[in-house]
């Protein structure tokens, strides 16, 4: 009997481990989607299979070089302009091409991901791992070619000591007309039910509708599908889908600042090409790693180099000398006075000298503001956003 209990406990342990491994893999899927989606958005490529092949071939070359001690600085993955640094390829290759468990990715790995792929994918991955600890089990399948279809399965397996069920609050699509959805999870989108081991499913088809954002035409705007429960919120974010491949990237890195000789209106037109006026406005280019950050405000300022970081401020257009008083004393000495001793003499209206005490003259210097800006010609600074 005791042996039977042992076998039963072992069976349960294996089942839990298998479930954890399955969830671990579904979290990695979110990273894999983010890696491919970022490349597709930037290059216009749609062949997920070829992308996977190219990345894994490059990753294998990197691993071989690592073994031989001859790791390169960067590795060509997609031909000209499609390189990953060795540190980028290390974490991307592990996510795309190896059996690395999601929990094995460190914070430094996630930092590399955040600087390489859409940060929303990294957030979704981190949240997926956190939600697993709350008992939520999710599985996401996204059509890679255009992110036009998504399937989301969700259920709840209570952890030891946790409640047996968790309430479903709501299921929401934002914007509301961005997707057409169905399935058992969508049927319960108003909430009011408890999630348990039963798997609820959501299947959504994207409603492609042409929209112009910052001078560029998209076939679908950015959107979010959210499932809110009593202990965690599951969100799947989708970038705007461009109608045409993006412009070929220039030689400048993201964040490079250049001078533009033109009007404000002409500078605004450069947004469609991935260049944003440096006027302090929020960058709303949804394909940019700088999305939702403020552009630097370089209006009426010069740029000064720094070996540490960008953004320090200083200097001024003018220098102001405050008003002040200058004291002067005019006096003279007679070698010998009537008593035979030296005697003080002072100026007499500038015409001569006479006996007297020391005279002090106070001169008032008024405040003065002096311009210190050298001759210049104004330009409009632009920052590269993608």
Protein backbone atom coordinates (compact mmCIF):
# COMPACT_ATOMS: atom_id res chain seq x y z
CA UNK A 1 0.00 0.00 0.00
CA UNK A 2 2.81 2.37 0.88
CA UNK A 3 4.47 1.52 -2.44
CA UNK A 4 1.25 2.39 -4.25
CA UNK A 5 1.20 5.79 -2.54
CA UNK A 6 4.81 6.35 -3.56
CA UNK A 7 4.04 5.51 -7.19
CA UNK A 8 1.00 7.79 -7.13
CA UNK A 9 3.02 10.67 -5.67
CA UNK A 10 5.77 10.12 -8.23
CA UNK A 11 3.20 10.10 -11.02
CA UNK A 12 1.78 13.42 -9.77
CA UNK A 13 5.26 14.89 -9.56
CA UNK A 14 5.99 13.89 -13.15
CA UNK A 15 2.65 15.36 -14.24
CA UNK A 16 3.43 18.68 -12.53
CA UNK A 17 6.92 18.73 -14.04
CA UNK A 18 5.49 18.02 -17.48
CA UNK A 19 2.95 20.80 -17.06
CA UNK A 20 5.71 23.21 -15.98
CA UNK A 21 7.83 22.24 -18.97
CA UNK A 22 4.86 22.74 -21.29
CA UNK A 23 4.19 26.21 -19.85
CA UNK A 24 7.92 26.97 -20.03
CA UNK A 25 7.85 26.25 -23.74
CA UNK A 26 4.76 28.39 -24.32
CA UNK A 27 6.52 31.35 -22.68
CA UNK A 28 9.50 30.86 -24.99
CA UNK A 29 7.10 31.02 -27.93
CA UNK A 30 6.43 34.66 -27.03
CA UNK A 31 10.14 35.46 -27.27
CA UNK A 32 10.41 33.59 -30.57
CA UNK A 33 7.49 35.55 -31.96
CA UNK A 34 9.03 38.82 -30.78
CA UNK A 35 12.35 38.00 -32.45
CA UNK A 36 10.78 37.17 -35.80
CA UNK A 37 8.16 39.92 -35.65
CA UNK A 38 10.82 42.56 -35.06
CA UNK A 39 12.81 41.37 -38.07
CA UNK A 40 9.68 41.18 -40.22
CA UNK A 41 8.60 44.70 -39.24
CA UNK A 42 12.02 46.13 -40.02
CA UNK A 43 12.73 44.25 -43.23
CA UNK A 44 9.34 43.39 -44.69
CA UNK A 45 10.26 39.67 -44.81
CA UNK A 46 7.43 37.21 -44.20
CA UNK A 47 9.10 33.78 -44.44
CA UNK A 48 9.29 32.56 -40.85
CA UNK A 49 10.82 29.21 -41.84
CA UNK A 50 13.73 30.83 -43.70
CA UNK A 51 14.23 33.26 -40.86
CA UNK A 52 14.47 30.42 -38.36
CA UNK A 53 16.92 28.55 -40.61
CA UNK A 54 19.18 31.58 -41.05
CA UNK A 55 19.26 32.37 -37.33
CA UNK A 56 20.04 28.79 -36.35
CA UNK A 57 22.79 28.45 -38.96
CA UNK A 58 24.42 31.61 -37.62
CA UNK A 59 23.94 30.39 -34.04
CA UNK A 60 25.65 27.11 -34.86
CA UNK A 61 28.60 29.02 -36.37
CA UNK A 62 28.78 31.08 -33.20
CA UNK A 63 28.77 27.96 -30.98
CA UNK A 64 31.56 26.41 -33.07
CA UNK A 65 33.62 29.58 -32.79
CA UNK A 66 32.96 29.65 -29.05
CA UNK A 67 34.36 26.13 -28.75
CA UNK A 68 37.47 27.05 -30.73
CA UNK A 69 37.94 30.34 -28.86
CA UNK A 70 37.51 32.52 -31.96
CA UNK A 71 34.16 34.26 -31.41
CA UNK A 72 33.54 37.10 -33.88
CA UNK A 73 32.21 40.53 -32.94
CA UNK A 74 29.14 40.04 -35.16
CA UNK A 75 27.57 37.38 -37.36
CA UNK A 76 25.82 37.85 -40.70
CA UNK A 77 22.34 36.35 -40.51
CA UNK A 78 20.40 37.90 -43.40
CA UNK A 79 23.11 39.29 -45.65
CA UNK A 80 24.08 42.95 -45.80
CA UNK A 81 22.63 44.94 -42.92
CA UNK A 82 21.34 41.83 -41.16
CA UNK A 83 23.96 41.18 -38.51
CA UNK A 84 23.63 40.26 -34.85
CA UNK A 85 26.40 40.89 -32.36
CA UNK A 86 27.78 37.78 -30.65
CA UNK A 87 25.95 38.67 -27.39
CA UNK A 88 22.68 39.17 -29.28
CA UNK A 89 23.06 35.95 -31.22
CA UNK A 90 23.84 34.05 -28.02
CA UNK A 91 20.48 34.78 -26.37
CA UNK A 92 18.44 34.84 -29.62
CA UNK A 93 19.91 31.52 -30.73
CA UNK A 94 19.13 29.91 -27.37
CA UNK A 95 15.52 31.09 -27.66
CA UNK A 96 15.06 30.09 -31.31
CA UNK A 97 17.29 27.07 -31.81
CA UNK A 98 17.92 25.22 -28.54
CA UNK A 99 15.91 23.55 -25.83
CA UNK A 100 16.82 26.21 -23.28
CA UNK A 101 14.09 26.51 -20.67
CA UNK A 102 12.49 29.92 -20.23
CA UNK A 103 13.51 30.03 -16.58
CA UNK A 104 17.17 29.76 -17.62
CA UNK A 105 17.16 33.23 -19.17
CA UNK A 106 18.77 35.75 -16.82
CA UNK A 107 18.01 39.43 -16.37
CA UNK A 108 21.05 40.29 -18.49
CA UNK A 109 19.64 38.03 -21.23
CA UNK A 110 16.33 39.88 -21.05
CA UNK A 111 18.20 43.20 -21.28
CA UNK A 112 19.81 42.01 -24.52
CA UNK A 113 16.39 40.96 -25.81
CA UNK A 114 14.93 44.37 -24.89
CA UNK A 115 17.62 46.16 -26.90
CA UNK A 116 17.23 43.81 -29.88
CA UNK A 117 13.55 42.96 -30.29
CA UNK A 118 10.22 44.59 -29.56
CA UNK A 119 10.27 45.29 -25.78
CA UNK A 120 6.58 44.30 -25.61
CA UNK A 121 7.55 40.72 -26.42
CA UNK A 122 10.03 40.67 -23.53
CA UNK A 123 7.38 42.03 -21.17
CA UNK A 124 4.91 39.37 -22.36
CA UNK A 125 7.51 36.66 -21.77
CA UNK A 126 8.32 37.91 -18.25
CA UNK A 127 4.61 38.16 -17.41
CA UNK A 128 4.02 34.65 -18.75
CA UNK A 129 6.64 33.27 -16.36
CA UNK A 130 5.21 35.27 -13.46
CA UNK A 131 1.64 34.14 -14.24
CA UNK A 132 2.76 30.53 -14.14
CA UNK A 133 3.62 31.08 -10.49
CA UNK A 134 0.05 32.26 -9.93
CA UNK A 135 -1.36 29.08 -11.44
CA UNK A 136 -2.40 30.50 -14.82
CA UNK A 137 -1.57 28.31 -17.81
CA UNK A 138 -1.58 30.04 -21.18
CA UNK A 139 -0.76 28.89 -24.67
CA UNK A 140 -0.48 31.38 -27.54
CA UNK A 141 -0.31 30.66 -31.25
CA UNK A 142 0.23 33.59 -33.66
CA UNK A 143 0.27 33.47 -37.44
CA UNK A 144 3.79 34.69 -38.08
CA UNK A 145 3.45 35.87 -41.67
CA UNK A 146 1.33 38.92 -40.80
CA UNK A 147 0.28 38.52 -37.14
CA UNK A 148 -3.22 38.28 -38.58
CA UNK A 149 -4.57 35.41 -36.47
CA UNK A 150 -4.07 34.53 -32.82
CA UNK A 151 -5.28 31.67 -30.64
CA UNK A 152 -5.07 31.94 -26.87
CA UNK A 153 -5.85 29.09 -24.49
CA UNK A 154 -6.06 29.65 -20.75
CA UNK A 155 -6.86 27.61 -17.65
CA UNK A 156 -5.99 27.62 -13.96
CA UNK A 157 -4.16 24.99 -11.91
CA UNK A 158 -3.98 26.04 -8.25
CA UNK A 159 -0.61 25.96 -6.56
CA UNK A 160 -0.36 24.43 -3.06
CA UNK A 161 -2.25 26.60 -0.59
CA UNK A 162 -3.87 28.72 -3.32
CA UNK A 163 -7.63 29.01 -3.96
CA UNK A 164 -9.12 26.25 -6.08
CA UNK A 165 -10.44 28.68 -8.70
CA UNK A 166 -9.69 32.21 -9.88
CA UNK A 167 -12.34 34.62 -11.21
CA UNK A 168 -12.32 35.79 -14.81
CA UNK A 169 -12.81 39.58 -14.83
CA UNK A 170 -13.09 40.32 -18.54
CA UNK A 171 -11.72 39.73 -22.03
CA UNK A 172 -11.13 42.87 -24.06
CA UNK A 173 -9.87 43.92 -27.49
CA UNK A 174 -8.42 47.42 -27.90
CA UNK A 175 -9.35 49.05 -30.25
CA UNK A 176 -12.64 47.21 -30.12
CA UNK A 177 -12.85 46.72 -33.90
CA UNK A 178 -9.24 45.57 -34.33
CA UNK A 179 -10.09 41.86 -34.12
CA UNK A 180 -13.05 39.56 -34.72
CA UNK A 181 -13.02 36.90 -32.00
CA UNK A 182 -14.86 33.75 -31.04
CA UNK A 183 -14.46 30.71 -28.81
CA UNK A 184 -15.39 29.65 -25.31
CA UNK A 185 -13.20 32.30 -23.70
CA UNK A 186 -14.68 35.05 -25.87
CA UNK A 187 -18.18 33.86 -25.00
CA UNK A 188 -17.33 34.62 -21.35
CA UNK A 189 -15.69 37.99 -22.13
CA UNK A 190 -17.97 39.83 -19.70
CA UNK A 191 -16.48 37.80 -16.84
CA UNK A 192 -18.46 36.47 -13.93
CA UNK A 193 -17.09 32.92 -14.14
CA UNK A 194 -14.34 31.06 -12.32
CA UNK A 195 -11.35 29.62 -14.16
CA UNK A 196 -10.32 26.11 -13.18
CA UNK A 197 -8.58 23.25 -14.96
CA UNK A 198 -11.03 23.62 -17.86
CA UNK A 199 -9.30 25.12 -20.89
CA UNK A 200 -11.05 28.15 -22.36
CA UNK A 201 -10.06 29.18 -25.88
CA UNK A 202 -10.03 32.47 -27.78
CA UNK A 203 -9.57 32.60 -31.57
CA UNK A 204 -9.24 36.02 -33.23
CA UNK A 205 -8.84 37.16 -36.82
CA UNK A 206 -7.34 40.60 -37.36
CA UNK A 207 -9.44 43.20 -39.16
CA UNK A 208 -7.03 44.82 -41.58
CA UNK A 209 -7.96 48.41 -42.23
CA UNK A 210 -5.68 50.97 -43.85
CA UNK A 211 -4.51 53.74 -41.54
CA UNK A 212 -1.84 56.43 -41.90
CA UNK A 213 0.45 57.03 -38.93
CA UNK A 214 3.15 59.71 -39.01
CA UNK A 215 3.15 59.80 -42.79
CA UNK A 216 3.40 56.03 -43.29
CA UNK A 217 0.59 53.75 -44.48
CA UNK A 218 -0.31 50.71 -42.36
CA UNK A 219 -2.80 47.97 -43.09
CA UNK A 220 -3.60 47.63 -39.38
CA UNK A 221 -2.99 49.81 -36.35
CA UNK A 222 -1.41 48.55 -33.14
CA UNK A 223 -3.77 46.60 -30.89
CA UNK A 224 -4.00 44.62 -27.66
CA UNK A 225 -5.95 41.56 -26.53
CA UNK A 226 -6.33 41.44 -22.75
CA UNK A 227 -7.60 38.70 -20.42
CA UNK A 228 -7.98 39.97 -16.84
CA UNK A 229 -8.32 37.47 -13.99
CA UNK A 230 -8.43 37.75 -10.23
CA UNK A 231 -4.68 37.25 -9.80
CA UNK A 232 -3.02 38.31 -13.07
CA UNK A 233 -3.66 39.99 -16.41
CA UNK A 234 -2.67 38.33 -19.67
CA UNK A 235 -1.97 40.83 -22.48
CA UNK A 236 -0.93 40.17 -26.05
CA UNK A 237 0.28 43.32 -27.85
CA UNK A 238 0.47 43.55 -31.62
CA UNK A 239 2.48 46.15 -33.52
CA UNK A 240 1.06 48.16 -36.40
CA UNK A 241 1.31 46.26 -39.67
CA UNK A 242 2.95 48.29 -42.49
CA UNK A 243 1.44 48.08 -45.96
CA UNK A 244 4.87 48.22 -47.58
CA UNK A 245 8.35 47.21 -46.45
CA UNK A 246 10.05 49.92 -44.40
CA UNK A 247 12.68 52.15 -46.00
CA UNK A 248 16.14 50.67 -46.23
CA UNK A 249 18.02 51.52 -43.04
CA UNK A 250 20.71 54.16 -43.32
CA UNK A 251 24.23 54.04 -41.99
CA UNK A 252 23.23 55.90 -38.84
CA UNK A 253 22.43 54.01 -35.61
CA UNK A 254 19.10 54.41 -33.82
CA UNK A 255 19.32 57.63 -31.81
CA UNK A 256 21.73 59.38 -34.21
CA UNK A 257 21.11 63.14 -34.52
CA UNK A 258 21.67 64.99 -37.81
CA UNK A 259 21.13 68.55 -39.03
CA UNK A 260 18.31 69.11 -41.49
CA UNK A 261 18.17 72.22 -43.71
CA UNK A 262 14.48 72.77 -44.35
CA UNK A 263 11.17 73.94 -42.98
CA UNK A 264 9.26 72.53 -40.03
CA UNK A 265 6.73 70.99 -42.40
CA UNK A 266 9.50 69.32 -44.40
CA UNK A 267 11.04 68.01 -41.19
CA UNK A 268 7.68 66.51 -40.17
CA UNK A 269 7.58 64.59 -43.45
CA UNK A 270 10.79 62.79 -42.47
CA UNK A 271 8.87 60.87 -39.79
CA UNK A 272 7.69 58.45 -42.47
CA UNK A 273 11.35 57.65 -43.19
CA UNK A 274 12.25 57.02 -39.58
CA UNK A 275 13.60 60.47 -38.64
CA UNK A 276 11.93 62.53 -35.90
CA UNK A 277 12.28 66.29 -35.28
CA UNK A 278 14.19 66.99 -32.07
CA UNK A 279 11.46 69.21 -30.64
CA UNK A 280 10.75 67.40 -27.36
CA UNK A 281 7.57 65.74 -28.66
CA UNK A 282 6.66 62.12 -27.86
CA UNK A 283 7.84 59.61 -30.48
CA UNK A 284 4.74 57.76 -31.67
CA UNK A 285 6.50 55.69 -34.33
CA UNK A 286 5.23 52.24 -33.33
CA UNK A 287 8.00 50.48 -35.25
CA UNK A 288 10.71 52.31 -33.35
CA UNK A 289 12.67 51.06 -30.32
CA UNK A 290 12.22 54.65 -29.08
CA UNK A 291 8.42 54.36 -29.22
CA UNK A 292 6.63 56.36 -26.52
CA UNK A 293 9.81 58.15 -25.45
CA UNK A 294 10.32 61.91 -25.80
CA UNK A 295 12.58 63.18 -28.56
CA UNK A 296 15.34 65.46 -27.26
CA UNK A 297 14.43 69.14 -27.37
CA UNK A 298 17.31 70.76 -29.27
CA UNK A 299 15.52 74.01 -30.07
CA UNK A 300 17.90 76.99 -29.75
CA UNK A 301 20.80 74.96 -28.33
CA UNK A 302 24.22 73.84 -29.55
CA UNK A 303 25.45 70.27 -29.16
CA UNK A 304 28.47 69.45 -27.02
CA UNK A 305 30.31 66.14 -27.04
CA UNK A 306 30.42 63.79 -24.05
CA UNK A 307 32.30 60.55 -23.50
CA UNK A 308 29.83 59.46 -20.80
CA UNK A 309 26.21 59.99 -21.84
CA UNK A 310 23.82 62.15 -23.82
CA UNK A 311 21.42 64.66 -22.32
CA UNK A 312 23.48 66.85 -19.99
CA UNK A 313 22.57 70.55 -20.19
CA UNK A 314 24.49 73.76 -19.60
CA UNK A 315 25.54 77.10 -21.04
CA UNK A 316 23.52 80.25 -21.70
CA UNK A 317 22.83 82.71 -24.53
CA UNK A 318 23.96 85.75 -22.50
CA UNK A 319 26.13 86.73 -19.54
CA UNK A 320 24.82 89.25 -17.01
CA UNK A 321 27.11 91.45 -14.90
CA UNK A 322 25.25 92.54 -11.80
CA UNK A 323 25.17 96.20 -10.75
CA UNK A 324 27.92 97.13 -8.25
CA UNK A 325 29.72 100.07 -6.65
CA UNK A 326 33.37 101.03 -7.12
CA UNK A 327 34.98 103.16 -4.41
CA UNK A 328 37.86 105.50 -5.22
CA UNK A 329 39.94 107.69 -2.87
CA UNK A 330 41.66 110.84 -4.13
CA UNK A 331 44.20 112.39 -1.84
CA UNK A 332 47.70 113.80 -1.72
CA UNK A 333 50.38 114.58 0.85
CA UNK A 334 52.33 117.72 1.56
CA UNK A 335 55.84 116.83 2.74
CA UNK A 336 55.63 119.35 5.56
CA UNK A 337 52.76 121.27 6.97
CA UNK A 338 52.75 124.34 9.23
CA UNK A 339 53.76 122.13 12.12
CA UNK A 340 56.63 120.62 10.14
CA UNK A 341 54.92 117.26 9.75
CA UNK A 342 53.37 115.63 6.64
CA UNK A 343 49.88 116.93 6.01
CA UNK A 344 46.84 115.59 4.05
CA UNK A 345 45.84 117.57 1.02
CA UNK A 346 42.88 116.80 -1.19
CA UNK A 347 41.84 117.86 -4.67
CA UNK A 348 39.89 121.10 -4.79
CA UNK A 349 37.34 120.70 -7.59
CA UNK A 350 40.08 119.41 -9.82
CA UNK A 351 41.79 122.76 -9.94
CA UNK A 352 44.32 122.38 -7.16
CA UNK A 353 44.95 121.11 -3.67
CA UNK A 354 43.84 122.20 -0.26
CA UNK A 355 44.09 120.95 3.26
CA UNK A 356 41.36 118.50 4.32
CA UNK A 357 40.44 114.93 5.07
CA UNK A 358 40.40 111.93 2.76
CA UNK A 359 37.75 112.14 0.03
CA UNK A 360 36.03 109.01 -1.26
CA UNK A 361 34.40 108.90 -4.65
CA UNK A 362 31.72 106.19 -5.26
CA UNK A 363 31.12 105.12 -8.86
CA UNK A 364 27.91 103.16 -9.67
CA UNK A 365 28.36 100.51 -12.39
CA UNK A 366 24.94 99.57 -13.83
CA UNK A 367 23.83 95.99 -14.59
CA UNK A 368 24.81 94.86 -18.08
CA UNK A 369 23.71 91.85 -20.15
CA UNK A 370 26.22 90.83 -22.78
CA UNK A 371 25.29 88.43 -25.64
CA UNK A 372 27.76 85.54 -25.93
CA UNK A 373 26.16 83.56 -28.81
CA UNK A 374 28.53 83.44 -31.79
CA UNK A 375 27.22 84.00 -35.34
CA UNK A 376 25.09 81.06 -36.46
CA UNK A 377 22.71 79.60 -39.04
CA UNK A 378 19.78 77.63 -37.63
CA UNK A 379 18.98 74.05 -38.67
CA UNK A 380 16.36 71.54 -37.52
CA UNK A 381 17.87 68.57 -35.74
CA UNK A 382 16.44 65.12 -36.54
CA UNK A 383 16.90 61.90 -34.56
CA UNK A 384 16.81 58.48 -36.21
CA UNK A 385 14.02 56.37 -34.69
CA UNK A 386 14.32 53.18 -36.80
